[in-house]
All heavy atoms as atom14 arrays in JSON, in Angstrom:
{
  "sequence": "YLYRLFQAEGLTVAAYIRERRLANARRDLT",
  "atom14_mask": [
    [1, 1, 1, 1, 1, 1, 1, 1, 1, 1, 1, 1, 0, 0],
    [1, 1, 1, 1, 1, 1, 1, 1, 0, 0, 0, 0, 0, 0],
    [1, 1, 1, 1, 1, 1, 1, 1, 1, 1, 1, 1, 0, 0],
    [1, 1, 1, 1, 1, 1, 1, 1, 1, 1, 1, 0, 0, 0],
    [1, 1, 1, 1, 1, 1, 1, 1, 0, 0, 0, 0, 0, 0],
    [1, 1, 1, 1, 1, 1, 1, 1, 1, 1, 1, 0, 0, 0],
    [1, 1, 1, 1, 1, 1, 1, 1, 1, 0, 0, 0, 0, 0],
    [1, 1, 1, 1, 1, 0, 0, 0, 0, 0, 0, 0, 0, 0],
    [1, 1, 1, 1, 1, 1, 1, 1, 1, 0, 0, 0, 0, 0],
    [1, 1, 1, 1, 0, 0, 0, 0, 0, 0, 0, 0, 0, 0],
    [1, 1, 1, 1, 1, 1, 1, 1, 0, 0, 0, 0, 0, 0],
    [1, 1, 1, 1, 1, 1, 1, 0, 0, 0, 0, 0, 0, 0],
    [1, 1, 1, 1, 1, 1, 1, 0, 0, 0, 0, 0, 0, 0],
    [1, 1, 1, 1, 1, 0, 0, 0, 0, 0, 0, 0, 0, 0],
    [1, 1, 1, 1, 1, 0, 0, 0, 0, 0, 0, 0, 0, 0],
    [1, 1, 1, 1, 1, 1, 1, 1, 1, 1, 1, 1, 0, 0],
    [1, 1, 1, 1, 1, 1, 1, 1, 0, 0, 0, 0, 0, 0],
    [1, 1, 1, 1, 1, 1, 1, 1, 1, 1, 1, 0, 0, 0],
    [1, 1, 1, 1, 1, 1, 1, 1, 1, 0, 0, 0, 0, 0],
    [1, 1, 1, 1, 1, 1, 1, 1, 1, 1, 1, 0, 0, 0],
    [1, 1, 1, 1, 1, 1, 1, 1, 1, 1, 1, 0, 0, 0],
    [1, 1, 1, 1, 1, 1, 1, 1, 0, 0, 0, 0, 0, 0],
    [1, 1, 1, 1, 1, 0, 0, 0, 0, 0, 0, 0, 0, 0],
    [1, 1, 1, 1, 1, 1, 1, 1, 0, 0, 0, 0, 0, 0],
    [1, 1, 1, 1, 1, 0, 0, 0, 0, 0, 0, 0, 0, 0],
    [1, 1, 1, 1, 1, 1, 1, 1, 1, 1, 1, 0, 0, 0],
    [1, 1, 1, 1, 1, 1, 1, 1, 1, 1, 1, 0, 0, 0],
    [1, 1, 1, 1, 1, 1, 1, 1, 0, 0, 0, 0, 0, 0],
    [1, 1, 1, 1, 1, 1, 1, 1, 0, 0, 0, 0, 0, 0],
    [1, 1, 1, 1, 1, 1, 1, 0, 0, 0, 0, 0, 0, 0]
  ],
  "atom14_positions": [
    [[0.84, -1.2, 0.0], [0.0, 0.0, 0.0], [0.88, 1.25, 0.0], [0.61, 2.23, -0.73], [-0.92, -0.01, 1.22], [-1.88, 1.15, 1.28], [-2.97, 1.21, 0.42], [-1.69, 2.19, 2.18], [-3.86, 2.28, 0.46], [-2.56, 3.25, 2.24], [-3.64, 3.29, 1.38], [-4.51, 4.36, 1.42], [0.0, 0.0, 0.0], [0.0, 0.0, 0.0]],
    [[1.95, 1.23, 0.81], [2.86, 2.36, 0.86], [3.51, 2.58, -0.51], [3.65, 3.73, -0.97], [3.93, 2.14, 1.93], [4.89, 3.3, 2.17], [4.17, 4.49, 2.79], [6.04, 2.86, 3.08], [0.0, 0.0, 0.0], [0.0, 0.0, 0.0], [0.0, 0.0, 0.0], [0.0, 0.0, 0.0], [0.0, 0.0, 0.0], [0.0, 0.0, 0.0]],
    [[3.91, 1.5, -1.17], [4.51, 1.62, -2.49], [3.53, 2.27, -3.48], [3.93, 3.11, -4.3], [4.93, 0.24, -3.01], [6.26, -0.24, -2.5], [6.37, -1.43, -1.79], [7.42, 0.5, -2.72], [7.6, -1.87, -1.31], [8.65, 0.07, -2.25], [8.74, -1.12, -1.54], [9.95, -1.55, -1.07], [0.0, 0.0, 0.0], [0.0, 0.0, 0.0]],
    [[2.27, 1.91, -3.4], [1.28, 2.49, -4.31], [1.14, 3.99, -4.09], [0.99, 4.75, -5.05], [-0.08, 1.8, -4.13], [-0.14, 0.39, -4.69], [-1.58, -0.05, -4.93], [-2.38, -0.03, -3.72], [-2.48, -1.02, -2.85], [-1.78, -2.14, -3.06], [-3.23, -0.93, -1.78], [0.0, 0.0, 0.0], [0.0, 0.0, 0.0], [0.0, 0.0, 0.0]],
    [[1.21, 4.42, -2.82], [1.12, 5.85, -2.53], [2.26, 6.61, -3.2], [2.05, 7.68, -3.79], [1.16, 6.1, -1.02], [0.0, 5.58, -0.19], [0.22, 5.9, 1.27], [-1.32, 6.2, -0.66], [0.0, 0.0, 0.0], [0.0, 0.0, 0.0], [0.0, 0.0, 0.0], [0.0, 0.0, 0.0], [0.0, 0.0, 0.0], [0.0, 0.0, 0.0]],
    [[3.47, 6.08, -3.11], [4.62, 6.76, -3.7], [4.64, 6.62, -5.22], [5.08, 7.53, -5.93], [5.92, 6.22, -3.09], [6.26, 6.84, -1.77], [5.51, 6.56, -0.63], [7.32, 7.72, -1.64], [5.81, 7.13, 0.6], [7.63, 8.31, -0.43], [6.88, 8.02, 0.7], [0.0, 0.0, 0.0], [0.0, 0.0, 0.0], [0.0, 0.0, 0.0]],
    [[4.17, 5.49, -5.74], [4.15, 5.3, -7.18], [3.24, 6.31, -7.86], [3.47, 6.68, -9.02], [3.7, 3.88, -7.51], [4.78, 2.83, -7.29], [4.27, 1.41, -7.47], [3.06, 1.19, -7.58], [5.18, 0.46, -7.49], [0.0, 0.0, 0.0], [0.0, 0.0, 0.0], [0.0, 0.0, 0.0], [0.0, 0.0, 0.0], [0.0, 0.0, 0.0]],
    [[2.21, 6.77, -7.14], [1.32, 7.79, -7.7], [2.07, 9.08, -8.02], [1.63, 9.88, -8.84], [0.18, 8.07, -6.73], [0.0, 0.0, 0.0], [0.0, 0.0, 0.0], [0.0, 0.0, 0.0], [0.0, 0.0, 0.0], [0.0, 0.0, 0.0], [0.0, 0.0, 0.0], [0.0, 0.0, 0.0], [0.0, 0.0, 0.0], [0.0, 0.0, 0.0]],
    [[3.23, 9.28, -7.37], [4.05, 10.46, -7.62], [5.31, 10.1, -8.41], [6.25, 10.89, -8.49], [4.44, 11.11, -6.29], [3.25, 11.53, -5.46], [3.66, 12.2, -4.16], [4.78, 12.74, -4.09], [2.86, 12.18, -3.22], [0.0, 0.0, 0.0], [0.0, 0.0, 0.0], [0.0, 0.0, 0.0], [0.0, 0.0, 0.0], [0.0, 0.0, 0.0]],
    [[5.34, 8.9, -8.99], [6.48, 8.49, -9.78], [7.71, 8.15, -8.97], [8.84, 8.29, -9.45], [0.0, 0.0, 0.0], [0.0, 0.0, 0.0], [0.0, 0.0, 0.0], [0.0, 0.0, 0.0], [0.0, 0.0, 0.0], [0.0, 0.0, 0.0], [0.0, 0.0, 0.0], [0.0, 0.0, 0.0], [0.0, 0.0, 0.0], [0.0, 0.0, 0.0]],
    [[7.53, 7.72, -7.71], [8.64, 7.43, -6.82], [8.54, 6.0, -6.3], [7.49, 5.38, -6.35], [8.62, 8.38, -5.61], [8.69, 9.89, -5.87], [8.36, 10.64, -4.59], [10.05, 10.27, -6.38], [0.0, 0.0, 0.0], [0.0, 0.0, 0.0], [0.0, 0.0, 0.0], [0.0, 0.0, 0.0], [0.0, 0.0, 0.0], [0.0, 0.0, 0.0]],
    [[9.66, 5.51, -5.8], [9.63, 4.33, -4.94], [10.05, 4.78, -3.56], [10.77, 5.78, -3.41], [10.58, 3.22, -5.44], [11.94, 3.67, -5.28], [10.31, 2.88, -6.9], [0.0, 0.0, 0.0], [0.0, 0.0, 0.0], [0.0, 0.0, 0.0], [0.0, 0.0, 0.0], [0.0, 0.0, 0.0], [0.0, 0.0, 0.0], [0.0, 0.0, 0.0]],
    [[9.64, 4.06, -2.55], [9.96, 4.46, -1.18], [11.47, 4.43, -0.95], [12.05, 5.37, -0.39], [9.24, 3.55, -0.16], [9.49, 4.05, 1.25], [7.75, 3.48, -0.46], [0.0, 0.0, 0.0], [0.0, 0.0, 0.0], [0.0, 0.0, 0.0], [0.0, 0.0, 0.0], [0.0, 0.0, 0.0], [0.0, 0.0, 0.0], [0.0, 0.0, 0.0]],
    [[12.11, 3.37, -1.38], [13.55, 3.25, -1.18], [14.31, 4.35, -1.9], [15.27, 4.93, -1.36], [14.03, 1.88, -1.66], [0.0, 0.0, 0.0], [0.0, 0.0, 0.0], [0.0, 0.0, 0.0], [0.0, 0.0, 0.0], [0.0, 0.0, 0.0], [0.0, 0.0, 0.0], [0.0, 0.0, 0.0], [0.0, 0.0, 0.0], [0.0, 0.0, 0.0]],
    [[13.89, 4.69, -3.13], [14.57, 5.75, -3.88], [14.39, 7.09, -3.2], [15.31, 7.92, -3.15], [14.04, 5.79, -5.31], [0.0, 0.0, 0.0], [0.0, 0.0, 0.0], [0.0, 0.0, 0.0], [0.0, 0.0, 0.0], [0.0, 0.0, 0.0], [0.0, 0.0, 0.0], [0.0, 0.0, 0.0], [0.0, 0.0, 0.0], [0.0, 0.0, 0.0]],
    [[13.18, 7.33, -2.65], [12.93, 8.6, -1.95], [13.84, 8.73, -0.73], [14.44, 9.79, -0.5], [11.47, 8.68, -1.55], [11.12, 9.97, -0.84], [10.91, 11.14, -1.57], [11.0, 10.03, 0.55], [10.6, 12.33, -0.94], [10.69, 11.22, 1.19], [10.49, 12.36, 0.44], [10.2, 13.55, 1.08], [0.0, 0.0, 0.0], [0.0, 0.0, 0.0]],
    [[13.97, 7.64, 0.04], [14.85, 7.66, 1.22], [16.29, 7.94, 0.8], [16.98, 8.78, 1.39], [14.75, 6.32, 1.98], [13.35, 6.15, 2.6], [15.82, 6.25, 3.07], [13.12, 4.79, 3.22], [0.0, 0.0, 0.0], [0.0, 0.0, 0.0], [0.0, 0.0, 0.0], [0.0, 0.0, 0.0], [0.0, 0.0, 0.0], [0.0, 0.0, 0.0]],
    [[16.73, 7.23, -0.23], [18.12, 7.4, -0.69], [18.37, 8.83, -1.19], [19.4, 9.45, -0.87], [18.43, 6.4, -1.79], [19.88, 6.44, -2.29], [20.18, 5.29, -3.22], [19.32, 5.32, -4.4], [18.33, 4.47, -4.62], [18.05, 3.52, -3.75], [17.59, 4.56, -5.72], [0.0, 0.0, 0.0], [0.0, 0.0, 0.0], [0.0, 0.0, 0.0]],
    [[17.44, 9.37, -1.97], [17.62, 10.72, -2.51], [17.67, 11.77, -1.41], [18.49, 12.7, -1.46], [16.49, 11.03, -3.5], [16.58, 10.25, -4.8], [15.34, 10.4, -5.64], [14.45, 11.19, -5.25], [15.24, 9.71, -6.68], [0.0, 0.0, 0.0], [0.0, 0.0, 0.0], [0.0, 0.0, 0.0], [0.0, 0.0, 0.0], [0.0, 0.0, 0.0]],
    [[16.82, 11.63, -0.41], [16.83, 12.59, 0.69], [18.12, 12.5, 1.49], [18.69, 13.51, 1.9], [15.63, 12.35, 1.62], [14.27, 12.65, 0.99], [14.11, 14.12, 0.64], [14.4, 14.97, 1.77], [13.55, 15.21, 2.78], [12.37, 14.63, 2.8], [13.89, 16.01, 3.76], [0.0, 0.0, 0.0], [0.0, 0.0, 0.0], [0.0, 0.0, 0.0]],
    [[18.59, 11.27, 1.74], [19.85, 11.1, 2.46], [21.02, 11.72, 1.7], [21.84, 12.44, 2.27], [20.1, 9.61, 2.7], [19.3, 9.02, 3.84], [19.47, 7.51, 3.92], [19.0, 7.0, 5.2], [18.75, 5.73, 5.45], [18.91, 4.82, 4.48], [18.32, 5.35, 6.64], [0.0, 0.0, 0.0], [0.0, 0.0, 0.0], [0.0, 0.0, 0.0]],
    [[21.09, 11.44, 0.42], [22.19, 11.97, -0.39], [22.13, 13.48, -0.49], [23.16, 14.16, -0.45], [22.15, 11.33, -1.78], [22.54, 9.85, -1.84], [22.26, 9.28, -3.22], [24.01, 9.66, -1.47], [0.0, 0.0, 0.0], [0.0, 0.0, 0.0], [0.0, 0.0, 0.0], [0.0, 0.0, 0.0], [0.0, 0.0, 0.0], [0.0, 0.0, 0.0]],
    [[20.93, 14.03, -0.63], [20.81, 15.49, -0.72], [21.29, 16.16, 0.57], [21.97, 17.18, 0.54], [19.35, 15.87, -1.01], [0.0, 0.0, 0.0], [0.0, 0.0, 0.0], [0.0, 0.0, 0.0], [0.0, 0.0, 0.0], [0.0, 0.0, 0.0], [0.0, 0.0, 0.0], [0.0, 0.0, 0.0], [0.0, 0.0, 0.0], [0.0, 0.0, 0.0]],
    [[20.93, 15.58, 1.72], [21.38, 16.15, 2.99], [22.88, 15.99, 3.17], [23.56, 16.9, 3.68], [20.64, 15.48, 4.15], [19.21, 15.96, 4.27], [18.79, 16.85, 3.55], [18.44, 15.36, 5.15], [0.0, 0.0, 0.0], [0.0, 0.0, 0.0], [0.0, 0.0, 0.0], [0.0, 0.0, 0.0], [0.0, 0.0, 0.0], [0.0, 0.0, 0.0]],
    [[23.42, 14.84, 2.76], [24.86, 14.64, 2.85], [25.6, 15.62, 1.95], [26.63, 16.21, 2.34], [25.21, 13.2, 2.48], [0.0, 0.0, 0.0], [0.0, 0.0, 0.0], [0.0, 0.0, 0.0], [0.0, 0.0, 0.0], [0.0, 0.0, 0.0], [0.0, 0.0, 0.0], [0.0, 0.0, 0.0], [0.0, 0.0, 0.0], [0.0, 0.0, 0.0]],
    [[25.09, 15.82, 0.76], [25.72, 16.77, -0.18], [25.71, 18.18, 0.39], [26.7, 18.93, 0.26], [24.96, 16.71, -1.51], [25.6, 17.46, -2.66], [24.88, 17.09, -3.94], [25.56, 17.62, -5.11], [25.12, 18.66, -5.81], [24.01, 19.28, -5.43], [25.76, 19.06, -6.87], [0.0, 0.0, 0.0], [0.0, 0.0, 0.0], [0.0, 0.0, 0.0]],
    [[24.61, 18.55, 1.01], [24.53, 19.88, 1.63], [25.57, 20.02, 2.74], [26.26, 21.04, 2.84], [23.12, 20.08, 2.21], [22.89, 21.46, 2.85], [21.57, 21.47, 3.58], [21.58, 20.55, 4.69], [20.49, 19.98, 5.19], [19.31, 20.24, 4.68], [20.58, 19.16, 6.23], [0.0, 0.0, 0.0], [0.0, 0.0, 0.0], [0.0, 0.0, 0.0]],
    [[25.73, 18.99, 3.58], [26.71, 19.05, 4.67], [28.14, 19.08, 4.15], [29.01, 19.72, 4.74], [26.53, 17.85, 5.61], [25.31, 17.99, 6.51], [24.63, 19.04, 6.42], [25.03, 17.06, 7.28], [0.0, 0.0, 0.0], [0.0, 0.0, 0.0], [0.0, 0.0, 0.0], [0.0, 0.0, 0.0], [0.0, 0.0, 0.0], [0.0, 0.0, 0.0]],
    [[28.4, 18.4, 3.05], [29.75, 18.38, 2.49], [30.19, 19.75, 1.99], [31.39, 20.04, 1.93], [29.83, 17.36, 1.35], [29.85, 15.89, 1.77], [29.58, 14.99, 0.57], [31.19, 15.53, 2.42], [0.0, 0.0, 0.0], [0.0, 0.0, 0.0], [0.0, 0.0, 0.0], [0.0, 0.0, 0.0], [0.0, 0.0, 0.0], [0.0, 0.0, 0.0]],
    [[29.25, 20.59, 1.62], [29.58, 21.94, 1.14], [29.43, 22.99, 2.23], [29.59, 24.18, 1.95], [28.68, 22.3, -0.06], [27.3, 22.23, 0.34], [28.91, 21.35, -1.22], [0.0, 0.0, 0.0], [0.0, 0.0, 0.0], [0.0, 0.0, 0.0], [0.0, 0.0, 0.0], [0.0, 0.0, 0.0], [0.0, 0.0, 0.0], [0.0, 0.0, 0.0]]
  ]
}
């Protein structure tokens, strides 16, 4: 059910978690 919620926005749950983590890490590195 959670996957369907995110798929409606063209996302997967795992990809969303990874993208948010990487974006925050990138911000901290700079």
